[in-house]
C-alpha atoms as a PDB file:
ATOM      1  CA  MET A   1      -0.027   0.012  -0.012  1.00  0.00           C
ATOM      2  CA  GLU A   2       1.166   3.515  -0.783  1.00  0.00           C
ATOM      3  CA  VAL A   3       1.705   6.061   2.062  1.00  0.00           C
ATOM      4  CA  GLN A   4      -0.920   8.406   0.548  1.00  0.00           C
ATOM      5  CA  GLU A   5      -3.496   5.562   0.377  1.00  0.00           C
ATOM      6  CA  ILE A   6      -2.716   4.606   3.993  1.00  0.00           C
ATOM      7  CA  ILE A   7      -3.179   8.222   5.106  1.00  0.00           C
ATOM      8  CA  GLN A   8      -6.664   8.316   3.523  1.00  0.00           C
ATOM      9  CA  LYS A   9      -7.640   5.123   5.488  1.00  0.00           C
ATOM     10  CA  LEU A  10      -5.836   6.080   8.663  1.00  0.00           C
ATOM     11  CA  LYS A  11      -7.547   9.425   9.373  1.00  0.00           C
ATOM     12  CA  PRO A  12     -11.058   7.959   9.687  1.00  0.00           C
ATOM     13  CA  GLN A  13      -9.658   5.025  11.666  1.00  0.00           C
ATOM     14  CA  ILE A  14      -8.044   7.392  14.167  1.00  0.00           C
ATOM     15  CA  ILE A  15     -11.237   9.386  14.503  1.00  0.00           C
ATOM     16  CA  GLU A  16     -13.225   6.123  15.114  1.00  0.00           C
ATOM     17  CA  GLN A  17     -10.670   4.570  17.472  1.00  0.00           C
ATOM     18  CA  LEU A  18     -10.426   7.747  19.615  1.00  0.00           C
ATOM     19  CA  ASN A  19     -14.066   8.669  19.456  1.00  0.00           C
ATOM     20  CA  LEU A  20     -13.266  12.111  18.073  1.00  0.00           C
ATOM     21  CA  GLU A  21     -16.832  12.906  17.150  1.00  0.00           C
ATOM     22  CA  GLU A  22     -16.199  16.592  16.388  1.00  0.00           C
ATOM     23  CA  VAL A  23     -13.321  15.918  14.019  1.00  0.00           C
ATOM     24  CA  LYS A  24     -13.532  15.159  10.298  1.00  0.00           C
ATOM     25  CA  PRO A  25     -10.722  13.457   8.346  1.00  0.00           C
ATOM     26  CA  GLU A  26     -10.023  16.697   6.442  1.00  0.00           C
ATOM     27  CA  ASP A  27      -9.620  18.548   9.741  1.00  0.00           C
ATOM     28  CA  ILE A  28      -6.519  16.393  10.543  1.00  0.00           C
ATOM     29  CA  ASN A  29      -3.334  17.856   9.089  1.00  0.00           C
ATOM     30  CA  THR A  30      -1.227  14.983   7.801  1.00  0.00           C
ATOM     31  CA  ASP A  31       1.991  16.513   9.035  1.00  0.00           C
ATOM     32  CA  ALA A  32       0.693  18.089  12.235  1.00  0.00           C
ATOM     33  CA  PRO A  33       1.721  16.632  15.628  1.00  0.00           C
ATOM     34  CA  LEU A  34      -0.787  14.109  16.974  1.00  0.00           C
ATOM     35  CA  PHE A  35       0.252  14.987  20.556  1.00  0.00           C
ATOM     36  CA  GLY A  36       0.529  18.334  22.241  1.00  0.00           C
ATOM     37  CA  ASP A  37      -0.298  21.309  19.961  1.00  0.00           C
ATOM     38  CA  GLY A  38      -1.603  19.372  16.944  1.00  0.00           C
ATOM     39  CA  LEU A  39      -4.531  17.031  17.563  1.00  0.00           C
ATOM     40  CA  GLY A  40      -3.864  17.282  21.340  1.00  0.00           C
ATOM     41  CA  LEU A  41      -3.788  13.536  22.065  1.00  0.00           C
ATOM     42  CA  ASP A  42      -2.521  12.102  25.383  1.00  0.00           C
ATOM     43  CA  SER A  43      -0.921   8.913  26.643  1.00  0.00           C
ATOM     44  CA  ILE A  44      -4.249   7.065  26.810  1.00  0.00           C
ATOM     45  CA  ASP A  45      -4.782   7.951  23.141  1.00  0.00           C
ATOM     46  CA  ALA A  46      -1.322   6.527  22.397  1.00  0.00           C
ATOM     47  CA  LEU A  47      -2.476   3.198  23.772  1.00  0.00           C
ATOM     48  CA  GLU A  48      -5.544   3.404  21.472  1.00  0.00           C
ATOM     49  CA  LEU A  49      -3.314   4.055  18.472  1.00  0.00           C
ATOM     50  CA  ILE A  50      -1.265   0.918  19.353  1.00  0.00           C
ATOM     51  CA  VAL A  51      -4.556  -1.006  19.427  1.00  0.00           C
ATOM     52  CA  LEU A  52      -5.459   0.516  15.996  1.00  0.00           C
ATOM     53  CA  LEU A  53      -2.165  -0.639  14.495  1.00  0.00           C
ATOM     54  CA  GLU A  54      -2.689  -4.171  15.778  1.00  0.00           C
ATOM     55  CA  LYS A  55      -6.354  -4.363  14.826  1.00  0.00           C
ATOM     56  CA  HIS A  56      -6.264  -2.902  11.340  1.00  0.00           C
ATOM     57  CA  TYR A  57      -2.668  -3.535  10.173  1.00  0.00           C
ATOM     58  CA  ASN A  58      -1.587  -6.505  12.304  1.00  0.00           C
ATOM     59  CA  LEU A  59       1.479  -4.520  13.491  1.00  0.00           C
ATOM     60  CA  LYS A  60       2.960  -4.526  16.903  1.00  0.00           C
ATOM     61  CA  ILE A  61       5.418  -1.891  18.131  1.00  0.00           C
ATOM     62  CA  GLN A  62       8.313  -3.935  19.467  1.00  0.00           C
ATOM     63  CA  ASP A  63      10.171  -1.114  21.159  1.00  0.00           C
ATOM     64  CA  PRO A  64       7.980   1.391  23.007  1.00  0.00           C
ATOM     65  CA  LYS A  65      10.733   3.962  22.626  1.00  0.00           C
ATOM     66  CA  ASN A  66      10.011   3.999  18.896  1.00  0.00           C
ATOM     67  CA  ALA A  67       6.340   4.830  19.546  1.00  0.00           C
ATOM     68  CA  LYS A  68       7.046   8.566  19.916  1.00  0.00           C
ATOM     69  CA  ASP A  69       8.605   8.697  16.450  1.00  0.00           C
ATOM     70  CA  ILE A  70       5.935   6.478  14.916  1.00  0.00           C
ATOM     71  CA  PHE A  71       3.029   8.478  16.412  1.00  0.00           C
ATOM     72  CA  ARG A  72       4.543  12.005  15.644  1.00  0.00           C
ATOM     73  CA  SER A  73       2.003  12.562  12.872  1.00  0.00           C
ATOM     74  CA  VAL A  74      -0.459  10.827  10.590  1.00  0.00           C
ATOM     75  CA  LYS A  75       2.248  10.816   7.945  1.00  0.00           C
ATOM     76  CA  THR A  76       4.794   9.096  10.176  1.00  0.00           C
ATOM     77  CA  MET A  77       2.232   6.505  11.130  1.00  0.00           C
ATOM     78  CA  ALA A  78       1.460   5.877   7.513  1.00  0.00           C
ATOM     79  CA  GLU A  79       5.158   5.574   6.644  1.00  0.00           C
ATOM     80  CA  TYR A  80       5.605   3.048   9.543  1.00  0.00           C
ATOM     81  CA  ILE A  81       2.617   0.989   8.259  1.00  0.00           C
ATOM     82  CA  ALA A  82       3.904   1.083   4.673  1.00  0.00           C
ATOM     83  CA  ALA A  83       7.423   0.064   5.685  1.00  0.00           C
ATOM     84  CA  ASN A  84       6.246  -2.810   8.003  1.00  0.00           C
ATOM     85  CA  SER A  85       3.142  -4.258   6.380  1.00  0.00           C
ATOM     86  CA  LYS A  86       3.461  -7.526   4.594  1.00  0.00           C
END
Protein backbone atom coordinates (compact mmCIF):
# COMPACT_ATOMS: atom_id res chain seq x y z
CA MET A 1 0.00 0.00 0.00
CA GLU A 2 1.18 3.52 -0.78
CA VAL A 3 1.69 6.05 2.03
CA GLN A 4 -0.93 8.41 0.55
CA GLU A 5 -3.48 5.57 0.36
CA ILE A 6 -2.76 4.60 3.98
CA ILE A 7 -3.18 8.22 5.11
CA GLN A 8 -6.67 8.30 3.53
CA LYS A 9 -7.65 5.15 5.47
CA LEU A 10 -5.84 6.10 8.66
CA LYS A 11 -7.54 9.44 9.37
CA PRO A 12 -11.07 7.97 9.69
CA GLN A 13 -9.66 5.02 11.66
CA ILE A 14 -8.02 7.39 14.14
CA ILE A 15 -11.25 9.36 14.50
CA GLU A 16 -13.24 6.17 15.12
CA GLN A 17 -10.68 4.59 17.47
CA LEU A 18 -10.40 7.71 19.62
CA ASN A 19 -14.09 8.69 19.43
CA LEU A 20 -13.24 12.13 18.06
CA GLU A 21 -16.83 12.92 17.13
CA GLU A 22 -16.18 16.61 16.41
CA VAL A 23 -13.30 15.89 14.02
CA LYS A 24 -13.52 15.15 10.29
CA PRO A 25 -10.70 13.48 8.32
CA GLU A 26 -10.04 16.72 6.42
CA ASP A 27 -9.58 18.51 9.78
CA ILE A 28 -6.50 16.41 10.53
CA ASN A 29 -3.33 17.88 9.05
CA THR A 30 -1.21 14.98 7.79
CA ASP A 31 2.03 16.54 9.05
CA ALA A 32 0.71 18.11 12.27
CA PRO A 33 1.74 16.60 15.62
CA LEU A 34 -0.78 14.12 17.00
CA PHE A 35 0.23 14.96 20.57
CA GLY A 36 0.53 18.35 22.21
CA ASP A 37 -0.30 21.31 19.97
CA GLY A 38 -1.61 19.39 16.96
CA LEU A 39 -4.51 17.02 17.56
CA GLY A 40 -3.88 17.25 21.31
CA LEU A 41 -3.77 13.54 22.06
CA ASP A 42 -2.53 12.13 25.39
CA SER A 43 -0.92 8.92 26.66
CA ILE A 44 -4.26 7.07 26.81
CA ASP A 45 -4.78 7.95 23.15
CA ALA A 46 -1.33 6.52 22.41
CA LEU A 47 -2.49 3.16 23.76
CA GLU A 48 -5.55 3.39 21.50
CA LEU A 49 -3.30 4.07 18.49
CA ILE A 50 -1.28 0.94 19.36
CA VAL A 51 -4.55 -1.03 19.39
CA LEU A 52 -5.47 0.51 16.02
CA LEU A 53 -2.17 -0.64 14.47
CA GLU A 54 -2.68 -4.16 15.80
CA LYS A 55 -6.36 -4.38 14.81
CA HIS A 56 -6.23 -2.85 11.32
CA TYR A 57 -2.66 -3.54 10.19
CA ASN A 58 -1.57 -6.51 12.31
CA LEU A 59 1.47 -4.54 13.49
CA LYS A 60 2.99 -4.53 16.95
CA ILE A 61 5.43 -1.88 18.12
CA GLN A 62 8.32 -3.93 19.41
CA ASP A 63 10.19 -1.11 21.15
CA PRO A 64 8.00 1.40 23.02
CA LYS A 65 10.78 3.99 22.62
CA ASN A 66 9.99 4.02 18.90
CA ALA A 67 6.32 4.86 19.52
CA LYS A 68 7.07 8.57 19.95
CA ASP A 69 8.56 8.73 16.43
CA ILE A 70 5.89 6.49 14.89
CA PHE A 71 3.03 8.51 16.38
CA ARG A 72 4.53 11.94 15.65
CA SER A 73 1.98 12.59 12.87
CA VAL A 74 -0.48 10.79 10.60
CA LYS A 75 2.24 10.80 7.94
CA THR A 76 4.81 9.11 10.20
CA MET A 77 2.21 6.49 11.17
CA ALA A 78 1.44 5.84 7.50
CA GLU A 79 5.14 5.56 6.67
CA TYR A 80 5.59 3.04 9.50
CA ILE A 81 2.62 1.00 8.25
CA ALA A 82 3.90 1.09 4.65
CA ALA A 83 7.40 0.02 5.72
CA ASN A 84 6.26 -2.79 8.02
CA SER A 85 3.14 -4.23 6.36
CA LYS A 86 3.44 -7.54 4.60
